[in-house]
């Protein structure tokens, strides 16, 4: 029998490997993108850990109010600056606009409804 892994709360969102994630892609402003401890050192486009080169800039809308200083990939509290890797800079993927992920993705949405269905983590 096949052992299917259930999604966990600690799952890592990777933009390149999750095609249902949508990036903002608006004109970037002066705000610098941040990454949480889980995604520290990760290129926000290709999920590579090698040769960080250029600082990530996010649009003013993605850095407004409670969104300020949040992780570009998952939305948790940002701890370090986000960078594009050298390959993405050479391919000019850093010029495509704001890289902030604006939706949750199918796996995380399914996990939420599965928890709700079985009343896991709720107070009775």
C-alpha atoms as a PDB file:
ATOM      1  CA  UNK A   1       0.000   0.000   0.000  1.00  0.00           C
ATOM      2  CA  UNK A   2       1.073   3.560  -0.637  1.00  0.00           C
ATOM      3  CA  UNK A   3       1.755   5.740   2.349  1.00  0.00           C
ATOM      4  CA  UNK A   4       0.484   9.207   1.453  1.00  0.00           C
ATOM      5  CA  UNK A   5       2.030  11.983   3.498  1.00  0.00           C
ATOM      6  CA  UNK A   6      -0.442  14.342   5.097  1.00  0.00           C
ATOM      7  CA  UNK A   7       0.357  18.047   4.907  1.00  0.00           C
ATOM      8  CA  UNK A   8       1.852  19.444   8.084  1.00  0.00           C
ATOM      9  CA  UNK A   9       1.883  22.923   9.537  1.00  0.00           C
ATOM     10  CA  UNK A  10       5.675  22.991   9.089  1.00  0.00           C
ATOM     11  CA  UNK A  11       5.508  22.498   5.301  1.00  0.00           C
ATOM     12  CA  UNK A  12       7.749  24.771   3.262  1.00  0.00           C
ATOM     13  CA  UNK A  13       6.262  26.743   0.371  1.00  0.00           C
ATOM     14  CA  UNK A  14       8.514  26.849  -2.656  1.00  0.00           C
ATOM     15  CA  UNK A  15       7.503  29.193  -5.456  1.00  0.00           C
ATOM     16  CA  UNK A  16       9.178  27.239  -8.244  1.00  0.00           C
ATOM     17  CA  UNK A  17       7.772  23.871  -7.206  1.00  0.00           C
ATOM     18  CA  UNK A  18       4.206  25.018  -6.505  1.00  0.00           C
ATOM     19  CA  UNK A  19       2.689  26.239  -9.781  1.00  0.00           C
ATOM     20  CA  UNK A  20      -0.549  27.383  -8.110  1.00  0.00           C
ATOM     21  CA  UNK A  21       1.200  30.160  -6.150  1.00  0.00           C
ATOM     22  CA  UNK A  22       0.648  33.624  -7.610  1.00  0.00           C
ATOM     23  CA  UNK A  23       3.152  36.467  -7.278  1.00  0.00           C
ATOM     24  CA  UNK A  24       2.098  40.116  -7.012  1.00  0.00           C
ATOM     25  CA  UNK A  25       4.239  41.340  -9.970  1.00  0.00           C
ATOM     26  CA  UNK A  26       3.408  45.044  -9.485  1.00  0.00           C
ATOM     27  CA  UNK A  27       6.034  47.781  -9.866  1.00  0.00           C
ATOM     28  CA  UNK A  28       8.492  47.391  -6.940  1.00  0.00           C
ATOM     29  CA  UNK A  29       9.013  50.330  -4.607  1.00  0.00           C
ATOM     30  CA  UNK A  30      11.828  51.195  -2.223  1.00  0.00           C
ATOM     31  CA  UNK A  31      10.899  48.617   0.444  1.00  0.00           C
ATOM     32  CA  UNK A  32      13.280  45.689   0.810  1.00  0.00           C
ATOM     33  CA  UNK A  33      11.788  42.183   0.877  1.00  0.00           C
ATOM     34  CA  UNK A  34      12.323  40.082   3.995  1.00  0.00           C
ATOM     35  CA  UNK A  35      12.529  36.337   4.676  1.00  0.00           C
ATOM     36  CA  UNK A  36      11.630  34.365   7.811  1.00  0.00           C
ATOM     37  CA  UNK A  37      14.026  31.960   9.543  1.00  0.00           C
ATOM     38  CA  UNK A  38      12.577  29.008   7.604  1.00  0.00           C
ATOM     39  CA  UNK A  39      13.328  30.614   4.198  1.00  0.00           C
ATOM     40  CA  UNK A  40      16.537  32.471   5.133  1.00  0.00           C
ATOM     41  CA  UNK A  41      19.067  32.470   2.267  1.00  0.00           C
ATOM     42  CA  UNK A  42      16.555  31.255  -0.326  1.00  0.00           C
ATOM     43  CA  UNK A  43      16.185  32.902  -3.745  1.00  0.00           C
ATOM     44  CA  UNK A  44      12.541  34.014  -3.930  1.00  0.00           C
ATOM     45  CA  UNK A  45      12.193  33.000  -7.603  1.00  0.00           C
ATOM     46  CA  UNK A  46      14.022  29.687  -8.063  1.00  0.00           C
ATOM     47  CA  UNK A  47      14.395  28.429  -4.454  1.00  0.00           C
ATOM     48  CA  UNK A  48      18.181  28.231  -4.763  1.00  0.00           C
ATOM     49  CA  UNK A  49      20.544  28.729  -1.828  1.00  0.00           C
ATOM     50  CA  UNK A  50      23.605  29.614  -3.947  1.00  0.00           C
ATOM     51  CA  UNK A  51      25.142  33.019  -4.753  1.00  0.00           C
ATOM     52  CA  UNK A  52      22.690  35.637  -3.441  1.00  0.00           C
ATOM     53  CA  UNK A  53      23.317  38.776  -5.479  1.00  0.00           C
ATOM     54  CA  UNK A  54      20.612  41.456  -5.635  1.00  0.00           C
ATOM     55  CA  UNK A  55      18.280  42.672  -2.883  1.00  0.00           C
ATOM     56  CA  UNK A  56      14.584  41.980  -3.417  1.00  0.00           C
ATOM     57  CA  UNK A  57      12.328  45.028  -3.673  1.00  0.00           C
ATOM     58  CA  UNK A  58       8.594  44.746  -3.011  1.00  0.00           C
ATOM     59  CA  UNK A  59       5.785  47.087  -4.033  1.00  0.00           C
ATOM     60  CA  UNK A  60       4.313  49.600  -1.585  1.00  0.00           C
ATOM     61  CA  UNK A  61       1.037  47.666  -1.373  1.00  0.00           C
ATOM     62  CA  UNK A  62       2.815  44.468  -0.249  1.00  0.00           C
ATOM     63  CA  UNK A  63       4.733  46.399   2.419  1.00  0.00           C
ATOM     64  CA  UNK A  64       1.848  48.427   3.848  1.00  0.00           C
ATOM     65  CA  UNK A  65       0.555  48.275   7.427  1.00  0.00           C
ATOM     66  CA  UNK A  66       0.672  44.837   9.029  1.00  0.00           C
ATOM     67  CA  UNK A  67       2.335  43.402   5.888  1.00  0.00           C
ATOM     68  CA  UNK A  68       5.488  45.455   6.531  1.00  0.00           C
ATOM     69  CA  UNK A  69       8.517  43.319   7.343  1.00  0.00           C
ATOM     70  CA  UNK A  70       6.781  40.028   6.536  1.00  0.00           C
ATOM     71  CA  UNK A  71       8.349  37.077   4.712  1.00  0.00           C
ATOM     72  CA  UNK A  72       7.975  37.393   0.926  1.00  0.00           C
ATOM     73  CA  UNK A  73       7.249  33.665   0.551  1.00  0.00           C
ATOM     74  CA  UNK A  74       5.052  32.638   3.483  1.00  0.00           C
ATOM     75  CA  UNK A  75       4.025  35.845   5.283  1.00  0.00           C
ATOM     76  CA  UNK A  76       5.612  35.035   8.661  1.00  0.00           C
ATOM     77  CA  UNK A  77       7.715  37.583  10.581  1.00  0.00           C
ATOM     78  CA  UNK A  78      10.726  38.568   8.450  1.00  0.00           C
ATOM     79  CA  UNK A  79      14.170  38.187  10.005  1.00  0.00           C
ATOM     80  CA  UNK A  80      16.627  38.722   7.143  1.00  0.00           C
ATOM     81  CA  UNK A  81      16.778  40.522   3.808  1.00  0.00           C
ATOM     82  CA  UNK A  82      15.689  38.614   0.703  1.00  0.00           C
ATOM     83  CA  UNK A  83      18.015  38.251  -2.288  1.00  0.00           C
ATOM     84  CA  UNK A  84      17.793  37.049  -5.884  1.00  0.00           C
ATOM     85  CA  UNK A  85      20.442  34.504  -6.873  1.00  0.00           C
ATOM     86  CA  UNK A  86      23.003  35.286  -9.571  1.00  0.00           C
ATOM     87  CA  UNK A  87      21.283  33.076 -12.165  1.00  0.00           C
ATOM     88  CA  UNK A  88      17.926  34.854 -11.752  1.00  0.00           C
ATOM     89  CA  UNK A  89      19.671  38.223 -12.051  1.00  0.00           C
ATOM     90  CA  UNK A  90      21.447  37.127 -15.249  1.00  0.00           C
ATOM     91  CA  UNK A  91      18.138  35.869 -16.691  1.00  0.00           C
ATOM     92  CA  UNK A  92      16.566  39.201 -15.594  1.00  0.00           C
ATOM     93  CA  UNK A  93      13.909  37.485 -13.520  1.00  0.00           C
ATOM     94  CA  UNK A  94      14.537  40.149 -10.879  1.00  0.00           C
ATOM     95  CA  UNK A  95      12.890  42.669 -13.237  1.00  0.00           C
ATOM     96  CA  UNK A  96       9.517  40.911 -13.471  1.00  0.00           C
ATOM     97  CA  UNK A  97       7.993  42.923 -10.626  1.00  0.00           C
ATOM     98  CA  UNK A  98       7.168  42.367  -6.963  1.00  0.00           C
ATOM     99  CA  UNK A  99       7.841  38.698  -6.028  1.00  0.00           C
ATOM    100  CA  UNK A 100       5.517  38.581  -2.968  1.00  0.00           C
ATOM    101  CA  UNK A 101       3.275  35.486  -2.906  1.00  0.00           C
ATOM    102  CA  UNK A 102      -0.322  36.757  -2.701  1.00  0.00           C
ATOM    103  CA  UNK A 103      -2.292  33.479  -2.361  1.00  0.00           C
ATOM    104  CA  UNK A 104      -1.966  30.521  -0.013  1.00  0.00           C
ATOM    105  CA  UNK A 105      -1.733  27.737  -2.556  1.00  0.00           C
ATOM    106  CA  UNK A 106      -3.857  24.621  -2.903  1.00  0.00           C
ATOM    107  CA  UNK A 107      -1.951  22.429  -0.416  1.00  0.00           C
ATOM    108  CA  UNK A 108      -2.177  24.950   2.407  1.00  0.00           C
ATOM    109  CA  UNK A 109      -5.856  25.659   1.680  1.00  0.00           C
ATOM    110  CA  UNK A 110      -6.653  21.922   1.715  1.00  0.00           C
ATOM    111  CA  UNK A 111      -4.794  21.556   5.012  1.00  0.00           C
ATOM    112  CA  UNK A 112      -6.903  24.333   6.555  1.00  0.00           C
ATOM    113  CA  UNK A 113     -10.187  22.696   5.563  1.00  0.00           C
ATOM    114  CA  UNK A 114      -9.025  19.228   6.645  1.00  0.00           C
ATOM    115  CA  UNK A 115      -8.203  20.608  10.097  1.00  0.00           C
ATOM    116  CA  UNK A 116     -11.577  22.333  10.229  1.00  0.00           C
ATOM    117  CA  UNK A 117     -13.348  19.133   9.139  1.00  0.00           C
ATOM    118  CA  UNK A 118     -11.874  17.074  11.982  1.00  0.00           C
ATOM    119  CA  UNK A 119     -11.896  19.939  14.557  1.00  0.00           C
ATOM    120  CA  UNK A 120      -8.137  19.665  15.084  1.00  0.00           C
ATOM    121  CA  UNK A 121      -6.623  22.533  17.034  1.00  0.00           C
ATOM    122  CA  UNK A 122      -9.949  24.057  18.065  1.00  0.00           C
ATOM    123  CA  UNK A 123     -11.093  24.535  21.641  1.00  0.00           C
ATOM    124  CA  UNK A 124     -14.139  22.540  22.686  1.00  0.00           C
END
